[in-house]
Amino acid sequence: MPTISVYDQTKKEVGTLELAPEVFEVAIKPEILHLVVRHQETIRRAGTHATKNRAKISGGGKKPWRQKGTGRARAGTTRSPLWRHGATVFGPQPREYGFKVNKKIKQLAMKMALSSRFAEEKLMIVKGFELPEAKTKNFVDVKNALGAKKVLIVVGEEDNTLSLSARNVPGVTVLTKDTFGVRDILVHSELILTEDAAKAVQERLS
């Protein structure tokens, strides 16, 4: 069973943590990761785009000119799609872009994402974060001590002091063990888990 060092927020080693091989040593299949990331992207799309068809455009009730004798083409309404200010044919309408992905596939993709960061030695376990107050400078000092750059930090429970301190730091995202996903891991080059978050994630995925 693989083990990983546990650090405090000054990057002093304070212990080790055993990692479940079925979570952190999974063979990586890019097609599975791509499917789940695409699923997460599509369900975030609003899908509220819309164009007006003939029924939704006001006016056009009067026939522009008589049917015959003018030498011009027949016309029944000024709201024809062929005319300026006319309707749109087959334009986009409100819709949902999401598609179904099985729960087992989502869990497998999460294991692969975690495994990729562990294999690349881009995973760090931190005992916890304790900031005296919600100030960006306090977080930047901790971030620099840990040697982190573009990093996703996953904590066990919501920590307002940490979240507020980190929200203005470029490339840093703070999420809880229940709100982070595969995409969040992959768009950050580094991953930091608090010890309680790592244990909770292992328990959920094992």
N, C-alpha and C. Protein backbone atom coordinates (compact mmCIF):
# COMPACT_ATOMS: atom_id res chain seq x y z
N MET A 1 0.85 -1.19 0.00
CA MET A 1 0.00 0.00 0.00
C MET A 1 0.89 1.25 0.00
N PRO A 2 0.67 2.17 -0.97
CA PRO A 2 1.52 3.36 -1.04
C PRO A 2 1.28 4.30 0.14
N THR A 3 2.31 5.01 0.51
CA THR A 3 2.21 6.01 1.58
C THR A 3 2.68 7.36 1.05
N ILE A 4 2.23 8.42 1.68
CA ILE A 4 2.60 9.77 1.29
C ILE A 4 2.82 10.59 2.55
N SER A 5 3.76 11.51 2.48
CA SER A 5 4.07 12.35 3.64
C SER A 5 2.94 13.34 3.90
N VAL A 6 2.75 13.65 5.17
CA VAL A 6 1.79 14.67 5.58
C VAL A 6 2.58 15.85 6.12
N TYR A 7 2.26 17.06 5.64
CA TYR A 7 2.98 18.27 6.04
C TYR A 7 2.06 19.21 6.80
N ASP A 8 2.67 20.10 7.57
CA ASP A 8 1.90 21.21 8.10
C ASP A 8 1.97 22.35 7.11
N GLN A 9 1.37 23.49 7.40
CA GLN A 9 1.29 24.56 6.41
C GLN A 9 2.61 25.30 6.20
N THR A 10 3.64 24.92 6.99
CA THR A 10 4.98 25.47 6.74
C THR A 10 5.85 24.47 5.97
N LYS A 11 5.25 23.39 5.52
CA LYS A 11 5.90 22.29 4.79
C LYS A 11 6.89 21.53 5.66
N LYS A 12 6.56 21.41 6.92
CA LYS A 12 7.34 20.56 7.82
C LYS A 12 6.61 19.22 7.91
N GLU A 13 7.36 18.13 7.68
CA GLU A 13 6.72 16.81 7.70
C GLU A 13 6.29 16.46 9.12
N VAL A 14 5.01 16.07 9.23
CA VAL A 14 4.46 15.76 10.55
C VAL A 14 3.91 14.34 10.63
N GLY A 15 4.06 13.56 9.56
CA GLY A 15 3.58 12.19 9.58
C GLY A 15 3.43 11.64 8.18
N THR A 16 2.78 10.50 8.09
CA THR A 16 2.52 9.87 6.79
C THR A 16 1.06 9.40 6.74
N LEU A 17 0.60 9.16 5.54
CA LEU A 17 -0.77 8.68 5.33
C LEU A 17 -0.74 7.55 4.31
N GLU A 18 -1.40 6.46 4.63
CA GLU A 18 -1.51 5.34 3.69
C GLU A 18 -2.59 5.65 2.67
N LEU A 19 -2.26 5.45 1.40
CA LEU A 19 -3.21 5.70 0.32
C LEU A 19 -3.74 4.39 -0.23
N ALA A 20 -5.02 4.34 -0.51
CA ALA A 20 -5.63 3.14 -1.06
C ALA A 20 -5.21 2.98 -2.52
N PRO A 21 -4.59 1.86 -2.87
CA PRO A 21 -4.14 1.68 -4.27
C PRO A 21 -5.30 1.68 -5.26
N GLU A 22 -6.49 1.27 -4.81
CA GLU A 22 -7.65 1.25 -5.72
C GLU A 22 -8.17 2.66 -6.00
N VAL A 23 -7.62 3.66 -5.31
CA VAL A 23 -8.02 5.06 -5.54
C VAL A 23 -6.88 5.86 -6.16
N PHE A 24 -5.64 5.62 -5.70
CA PHE A 24 -4.52 6.46 -6.11
C PHE A 24 -3.52 5.75 -7.02
N GLU A 25 -3.79 4.50 -7.39
CA GLU A 25 -2.90 3.80 -8.33
C GLU A 25 -3.72 3.10 -9.41
N VAL A 26 -4.61 3.87 -10.01
CA VAL A 26 -5.49 3.35 -11.06
C VAL A 26 -4.91 3.67 -12.43
N ALA A 27 -5.00 2.71 -13.34
CA ALA A 27 -4.52 2.95 -14.71
C ALA A 27 -5.35 4.06 -15.35
N ILE A 28 -4.66 4.99 -16.01
CA ILE A 28 -5.32 6.18 -16.55
C ILE A 28 -5.73 5.95 -18.00
N LYS A 29 -7.00 6.20 -18.29
CA LYS A 29 -7.53 6.11 -19.65
C LYS A 29 -8.05 7.49 -20.06
N PRO A 30 -7.36 8.17 -20.96
CA PRO A 30 -7.74 9.54 -21.34
C PRO A 30 -9.18 9.65 -21.83
N GLU A 31 -9.69 8.60 -22.50
CA GLU A 31 -11.05 8.69 -23.04
C GLU A 31 -12.10 8.77 -21.93
N ILE A 32 -11.83 8.12 -20.79
CA ILE A 32 -12.76 8.19 -19.66
C ILE A 32 -12.73 9.59 -19.05
N LEU A 33 -11.53 10.13 -18.87
CA LEU A 33 -11.40 11.48 -18.33
C LEU A 33 -12.06 12.50 -19.25
N HIS A 34 -11.87 12.34 -20.56
CA HIS A 34 -12.46 13.27 -21.52
C HIS A 34 -13.98 13.22 -21.46
N LEU A 35 -14.54 12.02 -21.36
CA LEU A 35 -16.00 11.87 -21.31
C LEU A 35 -16.58 12.58 -20.10
N VAL A 36 -15.98 12.38 -18.95
CA VAL A 36 -16.52 12.96 -17.72
C VAL A 36 -16.32 14.47 -17.68
N VAL A 37 -15.18 14.95 -18.14
CA VAL A 37 -14.96 16.40 -18.19
C VAL A 37 -15.96 17.05 -19.15
N ARG A 38 -16.20 16.42 -20.28
CA ARG A 38 -17.17 16.95 -21.24
C ARG A 38 -18.57 16.97 -20.63
N HIS A 39 -18.89 15.93 -19.88
CA HIS A 39 -20.18 15.87 -19.17
C HIS A 39 -20.30 17.03 -18.19
N GLN A 40 -19.25 17.28 -17.41
CA GLN A 40 -19.29 18.37 -16.44
C GLN A 40 -19.38 19.73 -17.12
N GLU A 41 -18.75 19.87 -18.28
CA GLU A 41 -18.81 21.14 -19.00
C GLU A 41 -20.21 21.38 -19.57
N THR A 42 -20.82 20.34 -20.12
CA THR A 42 -22.12 20.53 -20.77
C THR A 42 -23.24 20.83 -19.77
N ILE A 43 -23.18 20.23 -18.58
CA ILE A 43 -24.27 20.49 -17.63
C ILE A 43 -24.16 21.90 -17.05
N ARG A 44 -23.02 22.55 -17.25
CA ARG A 44 -22.87 23.93 -16.78
C ARG A 44 -23.38 24.94 -17.80
N ARG A 45 -23.65 24.51 -19.03
CA ARG A 45 -24.12 25.42 -20.06
C ARG A 45 -25.55 25.85 -19.77
N ALA A 46 -25.81 27.13 -19.89
CA ALA A 46 -27.15 27.65 -19.58
C ALA A 46 -28.18 27.18 -20.59
N GLY A 47 -27.81 27.16 -21.87
CA GLY A 47 -28.76 26.72 -22.89
C GLY A 47 -29.96 27.63 -23.02
N THR A 48 -29.79 28.93 -22.75
CA THR A 48 -30.92 29.86 -22.78
C THR A 48 -30.99 30.67 -24.08
N HIS A 49 -30.15 30.32 -25.06
CA HIS A 49 -30.17 31.04 -26.33
C HIS A 49 -31.49 30.79 -27.06
N ALA A 50 -31.96 31.78 -27.80
CA ALA A 50 -33.23 31.63 -28.51
C ALA A 50 -33.30 32.62 -29.66
N THR A 51 -33.94 32.20 -30.75
CA THR A 51 -34.26 33.11 -31.85
C THR A 51 -35.77 33.09 -32.05
N LYS A 52 -36.29 34.10 -32.74
CA LYS A 52 -37.74 34.22 -32.92
C LYS A 52 -38.17 33.59 -34.24
N ASN A 53 -39.18 32.72 -34.15
CA ASN A 53 -39.75 32.16 -35.36
C ASN A 53 -40.96 33.01 -35.78
N ARG A 54 -41.68 32.57 -36.79
CA ARG A 54 -42.80 33.35 -37.33
C ARG A 54 -43.84 33.66 -36.25
N ALA A 55 -44.04 32.71 -35.34
CA ALA A 55 -45.09 32.87 -34.33
C ALA A 55 -44.73 33.92 -33.29
N LYS A 56 -43.44 34.21 -33.14
CA LYS A 56 -43.00 35.09 -32.06
C LYS A 56 -42.72 36.52 -32.50
N ILE A 57 -42.81 36.80 -33.79
CA ILE A 57 -42.55 38.15 -34.28
C ILE A 57 -43.87 38.88 -34.50
N SER A 58 -43.99 40.05 -33.93
CA SER A 58 -45.22 40.81 -34.08
C SER A 58 -45.30 41.45 -35.46
N GLY A 59 -46.49 41.74 -35.90
CA GLY A 59 -46.70 42.36 -37.20
C GLY A 59 -46.75 41.33 -38.30
N GLY A 60 -46.78 41.82 -39.52
CA GLY A 60 -46.78 40.92 -40.66
C GLY A 60 -48.14 40.32 -40.97
N GLY A 61 -49.18 40.85 -40.37
CA GLY A 61 -50.50 40.26 -40.61
C GLY A 61 -51.11 40.67 -41.94
N LYS A 62 -50.68 41.80 -42.45
CA LYS A 62 -51.24 42.30 -43.71
C LYS A 62 -50.41 41.81 -44.88
N LYS A 63 -51.08 41.39 -45.93
CA LYS A 63 -50.37 40.98 -47.14
C LYS A 63 -49.73 42.22 -47.78
N PRO A 64 -48.41 42.20 -48.07
CA PRO A 64 -47.74 43.42 -48.55
C PRO A 64 -48.33 43.99 -49.84
N TRP A 65 -48.64 43.12 -50.76
CA TRP A 65 -49.29 43.57 -52.02
C TRP A 65 -50.14 42.43 -52.55
N ARG A 66 -50.95 42.78 -53.55
CA ARG A 66 -51.88 41.76 -54.05
C ARG A 66 -51.12 40.61 -54.69
N GLN A 67 -51.81 39.47 -54.79
CA GLN A 67 -51.17 38.24 -55.24
C GLN A 67 -50.65 38.35 -56.67
N LYS A 68 -51.46 38.95 -57.58
CA LYS A 68 -51.10 38.94 -59.00
C LYS A 68 -51.05 40.36 -59.56
N GLY A 69 -50.36 40.49 -60.65
CA GLY A 69 -50.43 41.72 -61.43
C GLY A 69 -49.37 42.76 -61.11
N THR A 70 -48.55 42.54 -60.12
CA THR A 70 -47.55 43.57 -59.79
C THR A 70 -46.21 43.29 -60.45
N GLY A 71 -46.00 42.08 -60.93
CA GLY A 71 -44.70 41.70 -61.50
C GLY A 71 -43.70 41.25 -60.45
N ARG A 72 -44.07 41.37 -59.21
CA ARG A 72 -43.17 40.95 -58.14
C ARG A 72 -43.55 39.55 -57.65
N ALA A 73 -42.64 38.94 -56.91
CA ALA A 73 -42.91 37.60 -56.38
C ALA A 73 -44.04 37.66 -55.36
N ARG A 74 -44.72 36.56 -55.21
CA ARG A 74 -45.80 36.47 -54.23
C ARG A 74 -45.25 36.69 -52.82
N ALA A 75 -45.99 37.40 -52.00
CA ALA A 75 -45.58 37.63 -50.61
C ALA A 75 -46.82 37.68 -49.74
N GLY A 76 -46.79 36.92 -48.66
CA GLY A 76 -47.95 36.88 -47.77
C GLY A 76 -47.73 37.64 -46.48
N THR A 77 -46.45 37.91 -46.14
CA THR A 77 -46.17 38.60 -44.88
C THR A 77 -44.81 39.28 -44.95
N THR A 78 -44.67 40.37 -44.22
CA THR A 78 -43.37 41.05 -44.17
C THR A 78 -42.44 40.39 -43.16
N ARG A 79 -42.92 39.37 -42.49
CA ARG A 79 -42.09 38.68 -41.49
C ARG A 79 -41.55 37.35 -42.02
N SER A 80 -41.56 37.22 -43.33
CA SER A 80 -41.00 36.02 -43.94
C SER A 80 -39.50 35.92 -43.62
N PRO A 81 -38.98 34.73 -43.45
CA PRO A 81 -37.53 34.57 -43.20
C PRO A 81 -36.66 35.13 -44.32
N LEU A 82 -37.24 35.33 -45.50
CA LEU A 82 -36.48 35.86 -46.62
C LEU A 82 -36.31 37.37 -46.53
N TRP A 83 -37.11 38.00 -45.68
CA TRP A 83 -37.11 39.46 -45.61
C TRP A 83 -36.28 39.96 -44.43
N ARG A 84 -35.81 41.19 -44.57
CA ARG A 84 -35.16 41.87 -43.45
C ARG A 84 -36.19 42.06 -42.34
N HIS A 85 -35.77 41.88 -41.11
CA HIS A 85 -36.64 41.90 -39.92
C HIS A 85 -37.59 40.71 -39.89
N GLY A 86 -37.32 39.72 -40.71
CA GLY A 86 -38.19 38.54 -40.72
C GLY A 86 -37.79 37.53 -39.66
N ALA A 87 -38.49 36.42 -39.66
CA ALA A 87 -38.27 35.37 -38.67
C ALA A 87 -36.99 34.59 -39.00
N THR A 88 -36.58 33.76 -38.05
CA THR A 88 -35.43 32.87 -38.23
C THR A 88 -35.93 31.43 -38.35
N VAL A 89 -35.42 30.73 -39.33
CA VAL A 89 -35.83 29.34 -39.54
C VAL A 89 -34.83 28.40 -38.87
N PHE A 90 -35.33 27.50 -38.06
CA PHE A 90 -34.49 26.47 -37.41
C PHE A 90 -33.36 27.09 -36.59
N GLY A 91 -33.61 28.24 -35.98
CA GLY A 91 -32.61 28.86 -35.12
C GLY A 91 -32.52 28.15 -33.79
N PRO A 92 -31.49 28.49 -32.99
CA PRO A 92 -31.34 27.83 -31.69
C PRO A 92 -32.49 28.16 -30.74
N GLN A 93 -32.89 27.18 -29.98
CA GLN A 93 -33.96 27.33 -28.99
C GLN A 93 -33.45 26.82 -27.64
N PRO A 94 -34.05 27.27 -26.54
CA PRO A 94 -33.60 26.80 -25.22
C PRO A 94 -33.54 25.27 -25.14
N ARG A 95 -32.46 24.77 -24.60
CA ARG A 95 -32.29 23.31 -24.50
C ARG A 95 -31.26 23.00 -23.43
N GLU A 96 -31.22 21.75 -23.02
CA GLU A 96 -30.21 21.27 -22.08
C GLU A 96 -29.17 20.49 -22.87
N TYR A 97 -27.91 20.77 -22.61
CA TYR A 97 -26.83 20.11 -23.32
C TYR A 97 -26.30 18.86 -22.59
N GLY A 98 -26.70 18.71 -21.34
CA GLY A 98 -26.16 17.61 -20.54
C GLY A 98 -26.55 16.24 -21.09
N PHE A 99 -25.71 15.27 -20.80
CA PHE A 99 -26.00 13.88 -21.16
C PHE A 99 -25.64 13.00 -19.97
N LYS A 100 -26.17 11.82 -19.96
CA LYS A 100 -26.02 10.94 -18.80
C LYS A 100 -24.67 10.22 -18.82
N VAL A 101 -24.03 10.18 -17.66
CA VAL A 101 -22.83 9.37 -17.45
C VAL A 101 -23.05 8.54 -16.20
N ASN A 102 -22.82 7.25 -16.28
CA ASN A 102 -23.06 6.37 -15.15
C ASN A 102 -22.20 6.74 -13.95
N LYS A 103 -22.74 6.49 -12.77
CA LYS A 103 -22.05 6.82 -11.52
C LYS A 103 -20.69 6.12 -11.43
N LYS A 104 -20.62 4.87 -11.88
CA LYS A 104 -19.37 4.12 -11.81
C LYS A 104 -18.29 4.75 -12.70
N ILE A 105 -18.71 5.29 -13.84
CA ILE A 105 -17.76 5.95 -14.73
C ILE A 105 -17.24 7.23 -14.10
N LYS A 106 -18.13 7.98 -13.46
CA LYS A 106 -17.71 9.22 -12.77
C LYS A 106 -16.70 8.90 -11.67
N GLN A 107 -16.98 7.86 -10.89
CA GLN A 107 -16.07 7.48 -9.81
C GLN A 107 -14.73 7.02 -10.37
N LEU A 108 -14.77 6.26 -11.47
CA LEU A 108 -13.53 5.79 -12.09
C LEU A 108 -12.70 6.97 -12.59
N ALA A 109 -13.35 7.96 -13.19
CA ALA A 109 -12.64 9.14 -13.67
C ALA A 109 -12.01 9.91 -12.52
N MET A 110 -12.71 10.00 -11.40
CA MET A 110 -12.16 10.68 -10.22
C MET A 110 -10.91 9.95 -9.73
N LYS A 111 -10.96 8.63 -9.69
CA LYS A 111 -9.80 7.85 -9.27
C LYS A 111 -8.62 8.07 -10.22
N MET A 112 -8.92 8.13 -11.52
CA MET A 112 -7.86 8.35 -12.51
C MET A 112 -7.23 9.72 -12.34
N ALA A 113 -8.06 10.73 -12.10
CA ALA A 113 -7.53 12.09 -11.92
C ALA A 113 -6.64 12.16 -10.69
N LEU A 114 -7.08 11.55 -9.59
CA LEU A 114 -6.27 11.53 -8.37
C LEU A 114 -4.98 10.74 -8.59
N SER A 115 -5.11 9.62 -9.31
CA SER A 115 -3.93 8.79 -9.59
C SER A 115 -2.91 9.52 -10.44
N SER A 116 -3.40 10.32 -11.40
CA SER A 116 -2.48 11.06 -12.27
C SER A 116 -1.66 12.07 -11.47
N ARG A 117 -2.30 12.74 -10.52
CA ARG A 117 -1.56 13.72 -9.70
C ARG A 117 -0.58 13.01 -8.77
N PHE A 118 -0.96 11.85 -8.25
CA PHE A 118 -0.06 11.10 -7.37
C PHE A 118 1.14 10.57 -8.16
N ALA A 119 0.88 10.06 -9.37
CA ALA A 119 1.96 9.52 -10.19
C ALA A 119 2.93 10.61 -10.63
N GLU A 120 2.41 11.82 -10.84
CA GLU A 120 3.25 12.94 -11.28
C GLU A 120 3.94 13.64 -10.10
N GLU A 121 3.68 13.15 -8.88
CA GLU A 121 4.21 13.76 -7.66
C GLU A 121 3.74 15.21 -7.52
N LYS A 122 2.50 15.43 -7.92
CA LYS A 122 1.88 16.75 -7.81
C LYS A 122 0.78 16.74 -6.75
N LEU A 123 0.75 15.72 -5.93
CA LEU A 123 -0.22 15.61 -4.85
C LEU A 123 0.47 15.86 -3.51
N MET A 124 -0.12 16.72 -2.69
CA MET A 124 0.43 17.00 -1.36
C MET A 124 -0.70 16.88 -0.33
N ILE A 125 -0.36 16.26 0.80
CA ILE A 125 -1.31 16.16 1.91
C ILE A 125 -0.86 17.12 3.01
N VAL A 126 -1.78 17.97 3.43
CA VAL A 126 -1.49 18.96 4.47
C VAL A 126 -2.37 18.67 5.68
N LYS A 127 -1.78 18.72 6.84
CA LYS A 127 -2.52 18.43 8.08
C LYS A 127 -3.76 19.31 8.20
N GLY A 128 -3.61 20.59 7.86
CA GLY A 128 -4.71 21.53 7.92
C GLY A 128 -4.21 22.94 7.70
N PHE A 129 -5.14 23.86 7.57
CA PHE A 129 -4.78 25.26 7.39
C PHE A 129 -5.34 26.07 8.55
N GLU A 130 -4.48 26.89 9.12
CA GLU A 130 -4.91 27.78 10.20
C GLU A 130 -4.38 29.18 9.90
N LEU A 131 -5.28 30.05 9.47
CA LEU A 131 -4.91 31.43 9.17
C LEU A 131 -5.48 32.34 10.26
N PRO A 132 -4.69 33.29 10.76
CA PRO A 132 -5.16 34.16 11.85
C PRO A 132 -6.36 35.00 11.46
N GLU A 133 -6.40 35.44 10.20
CA GLU A 133 -7.54 36.23 9.71
C GLU A 133 -7.59 36.13 8.20
N ALA A 134 -8.72 36.55 7.64
CA ALA A 134 -8.93 36.44 6.20
C ALA A 134 -8.21 37.56 5.46
N LYS A 135 -6.94 37.35 5.20
CA LYS A 135 -6.14 38.31 4.44
C LYS A 135 -5.37 37.56 3.37
N THR A 136 -5.33 38.15 2.18
CA THR A 136 -4.62 37.52 1.07
C THR A 136 -3.16 37.27 1.41
N LYS A 137 -2.54 38.21 2.09
CA LYS A 137 -1.12 38.08 2.43
C LYS A 137 -0.87 36.83 3.27
N ASN A 138 -1.78 36.54 4.22
CA ASN A 138 -1.61 35.36 5.07
C ASN A 138 -1.61 34.08 4.23
N PHE A 139 -2.52 34.02 3.23
CA PHE A 139 -2.57 32.83 2.40
C PHE A 139 -1.36 32.74 1.48
N VAL A 140 -0.94 33.88 0.92
CA VAL A 140 0.21 33.87 0.01
C VAL A 140 1.46 33.37 0.73
N ASP A 141 1.62 33.74 1.99
CA ASP A 141 2.77 33.25 2.77
C ASP A 141 2.74 31.73 2.89
N VAL A 142 1.54 31.19 3.16
CA VAL A 142 1.40 29.73 3.26
C VAL A 142 1.63 29.07 1.91
N LYS A 143 1.06 29.64 0.86
CA LYS A 143 1.21 29.11 -0.50
C LYS A 143 2.69 29.06 -0.90
N ASN A 144 3.41 30.12 -0.62
CA ASN A 144 4.83 30.15 -0.97
C ASN A 144 5.62 29.13 -0.14
N ALA A 145 5.26 28.97 1.11
CA ALA A 145 5.95 28.00 1.97
C ALA A 145 5.75 26.58 1.44
N LEU A 146 4.56 26.31 0.91
CA LEU A 146 4.27 24.98 0.37
C LEU A 146 4.83 24.80 -1.05
N GLY A 147 5.26 25.89 -1.66
CA GLY A 147 5.81 25.80 -3.01
C GLY A 147 4.75 25.58 -4.07
N ALA A 148 3.52 26.01 -3.80
CA ALA A 148 2.42 25.79 -4.73
C ALA A 148 2.30 26.95 -5.72
N LYS A 149 1.80 26.65 -6.91
CA LYS A 149 1.59 27.69 -7.93
C LYS A 149 0.14 27.63 -8.41
N LYS A 150 -0.12 26.83 -9.43
CA LYS A 150 -1.49 26.67 -9.91
C LYS A 150 -2.08 25.45 -9.21
N VAL A 151 -2.83 25.68 -8.15
CA VAL A 151 -3.16 24.59 -7.24
C VAL A 151 -4.65 24.55 -6.90
N LEU A 152 -5.16 23.35 -6.78
CA LEU A 152 -6.50 23.11 -6.24
C LEU A 152 -6.34 22.63 -4.81
N ILE A 153 -6.98 23.32 -3.88
CA ILE A 153 -6.93 22.95 -2.47
C ILE A 153 -8.29 22.38 -2.08
N VAL A 154 -8.29 21.17 -1.58
CA VAL A 154 -9.54 20.51 -1.15
C VAL A 154 -9.50 20.33 0.35
N VAL A 155 -10.49 20.91 1.03
CA VAL A 155 -10.57 20.83 2.49
C VAL A 155 -11.76 19.96 2.88
N GLY A 156 -11.74 19.51 4.13
CA GLY A 156 -12.82 18.64 4.60
C GLY A 156 -14.14 19.37 4.74
N GLU A 157 -14.11 20.52 5.41
CA GLU A 157 -15.31 21.32 5.63
C GLU A 157 -15.07 22.74 5.15
N GLU A 158 -16.14 23.46 4.89
CA GLU A 158 -16.04 24.84 4.43
C GLU A 158 -15.24 25.68 5.41
N ASP A 159 -14.24 26.38 4.89
CA ASP A 159 -13.37 27.24 5.70
C ASP A 159 -13.42 28.64 5.10
N ASN A 160 -14.25 29.50 5.66
CA ASN A 160 -14.43 30.85 5.10
C ASN A 160 -13.16 31.67 5.15
N THR A 161 -12.40 31.52 6.22
CA THR A 161 -11.15 32.29 6.33
C THR A 161 -10.20 31.93 5.21
N LEU A 162 -10.05 30.63 4.94
CA LEU A 162 -9.16 30.17 3.86
C LEU A 162 -9.71 30.59 2.50
N SER A 163 -11.00 30.41 2.29
CA SER A 163 -11.61 30.74 0.99
C SER A 163 -11.49 32.22 0.68
N LEU A 164 -11.77 33.07 1.67
CA LEU A 164 -11.68 34.52 1.46
C LEU A 164 -10.24 34.96 1.24
N SER A 165 -9.31 34.33 1.92
CA SER A 165 -7.90 34.69 1.78
C SER A 165 -7.34 34.29 0.42
N ALA A 166 -7.89 33.22 -0.16
CA ALA A 166 -7.32 32.68 -1.40
C ALA A 166 -8.05 33.13 -2.66
N ARG A 167 -9.22 33.76 -2.52
CA ARG A 167 -10.04 33.99 -3.71
C ARG A 167 -9.44 34.98 -4.70
N ASN A 168 -8.54 35.86 -4.25
CA ASN A 168 -7.93 36.84 -5.16
C ASN A 168 -6.56 36.41 -5.67
N VAL A 169 -6.15 35.20 -5.32
CA VAL A 169 -4.83 34.71 -5.74
C VAL A 169 -4.99 33.97 -7.07
N PRO A 170 -4.33 34.43 -8.14
CA PRO A 170 -4.48 33.78 -9.45
C PRO A 170 -4.05 32.32 -9.42
N GLY A 171 -4.84 31.47 -10.10
CA GLY A 171 -4.48 30.07 -10.24
C GLY A 171 -4.79 29.20 -9.06
N VAL A 172 -5.45 29.73 -8.03
CA VAL A 172 -5.75 28.97 -6.81
C VAL A 172 -7.26 28.83 -6.66
N THR A 173 -7.70 27.62 -6.38
CA THR A 173 -9.11 27.35 -6.13
C THR A 173 -9.22 26.55 -4.85
N VAL A 174 -10.16 26.94 -3.99
CA VAL A 174 -10.40 26.21 -2.74
C VAL A 174 -11.80 25.63 -2.78
N LEU A 175 -11.89 24.30 -2.64
CA LEU A 175 -13.18 23.60 -2.65
C LEU A 175 -13.22 22.61 -1.50
N THR A 176 -14.41 22.10 -1.21
CA THR A 176 -14.55 21.10 -0.16
C THR A 176 -14.55 19.70 -0.78
N LYS A 177 -14.46 18.71 0.07
CA LYS A 177 -14.41 17.31 -0.39
C LYS A 177 -15.67 16.91 -1.15
N ASP A 178 -16.77 17.64 -0.94
CA ASP A 178 -18.04 17.31 -1.58
C ASP A 178 -18.33 18.12 -2.83
N THR A 179 -17.51 19.13 -3.13
CA THR A 179 -17.81 20.01 -4.25
C THR A 179 -16.79 19.96 -5.38
N PHE A 180 -15.65 19.31 -5.20
CA PHE A 180 -14.66 19.28 -6.28
C PHE A 180 -14.93 18.11 -7.22
N GLY A 181 -14.51 18.29 -8.47
CA GLY A 181 -14.75 17.26 -9.47
C GLY A 181 -13.51 16.97 -10.29
N VAL A 182 -13.68 16.11 -11.28
CA VAL A 182 -12.57 15.69 -12.14
C VAL A 182 -11.98 16.89 -12.88
N ARG A 183 -12.85 17.72 -13.42
CA ARG A 183 -12.38 18.89 -14.17
C ARG A 183 -11.53 19.80 -13.28
N ASP A 184 -11.96 19.99 -12.04
CA ASP A 184 -11.23 20.87 -11.12
C ASP A 184 -9.80 20.36 -10.91
N ILE A 185 -9.64 19.04 -10.82
CA ILE A 185 -8.29 18.47 -10.63
C ILE A 185 -7.44 18.69 -11.88
N LEU A 186 -8.03 18.45 -13.05
CA LEU A 186 -7.24 18.46 -14.28
C LEU A 186 -6.85 19.86 -14.74
N VAL A 187 -7.63 20.88 -14.39
CA VAL A 187 -7.28 22.24 -14.85
C VAL A 187 -6.23 22.88 -13.95
N HIS A 188 -5.92 22.24 -12.82
CA HIS A 188 -4.85 22.72 -11.95
C HIS A 188 -3.69 21.73 -12.03
N SER A 189 -2.49 22.25 -12.09
CA SER A 189 -1.33 21.37 -12.23
C SER A 189 -0.94 20.72 -10.91
N GLU A 190 -1.45 21.24 -9.78
CA GLU A 190 -1.12 20.68 -8.47
C GLU A 190 -2.39 20.46 -7.66
N LEU A 191 -2.32 19.51 -6.75
CA LEU A 191 -3.46 19.19 -5.90
C LEU A 191 -3.00 19.10 -4.45
N ILE A 192 -3.66 19.84 -3.57
CA ILE A 192 -3.40 19.75 -2.14
C ILE A 192 -4.68 19.29 -1.45
N LEU A 193 -4.57 18.20 -0.70
CA LEU A 193 -5.69 17.70 0.10
C LEU A 193 -5.35 17.86 1.57
N THR A 194 -6.31 18.33 2.35
CA THR A 194 -6.10 18.27 3.79
C THR A 194 -6.23 16.81 4.20
N GLU A 195 -5.66 16.46 5.34
CA GLU A 195 -5.66 15.06 5.76
C GLU A 195 -7.07 14.50 5.91
N ASP A 196 -7.97 15.29 6.51
CA ASP A 196 -9.34 14.79 6.68
C ASP A 196 -10.06 14.67 5.34
N ALA A 197 -9.77 15.57 4.39
CA ALA A 197 -10.37 15.46 3.06
C ALA A 197 -9.87 14.23 2.33
N ALA A 198 -8.57 13.95 2.44
CA ALA A 198 -8.00 12.77 1.78
C ALA A 198 -8.63 11.48 2.32
N LYS A 199 -8.81 11.42 3.64
CA LYS A 199 -9.42 10.23 4.25
C LYS A 199 -10.87 10.09 3.80
N ALA A 200 -11.60 11.20 3.73
CA ALA A 200 -13.00 11.15 3.32
C ALA A 200 -13.13 10.72 1.85
N VAL A 201 -12.24 11.23 0.99
CA VAL A 201 -12.28 10.88 -0.42
C VAL A 201 -11.96 9.40 -0.62
N GLN A 202 -10.96 8.92 0.13
CA GLN A 202 -10.61 7.49 0.04
C GLN A 202 -11.78 6.62 0.46
N GLU A 203 -12.42 7.00 1.55
CA GLU A 203 -13.54 6.20 2.06
C GLU A 203 -14.70 6.18 1.06
N ARG A 204 -14.91 7.31 0.42
CA ARG A 204 -16.02 7.40 -0.53
C ARG A 204 -15.77 6.60 -1.80
N LEU A 205 -14.51 6.56 -2.25
CA LEU A 205 -14.20 5.92 -3.53
C LEU A 205 -13.73 4.48 -3.40
N SER A 206 -13.37 4.05 -2.21
CA SER A 206 -12.86 2.67 -2.05
C SER A 206 -13.99 1.65 -2.16
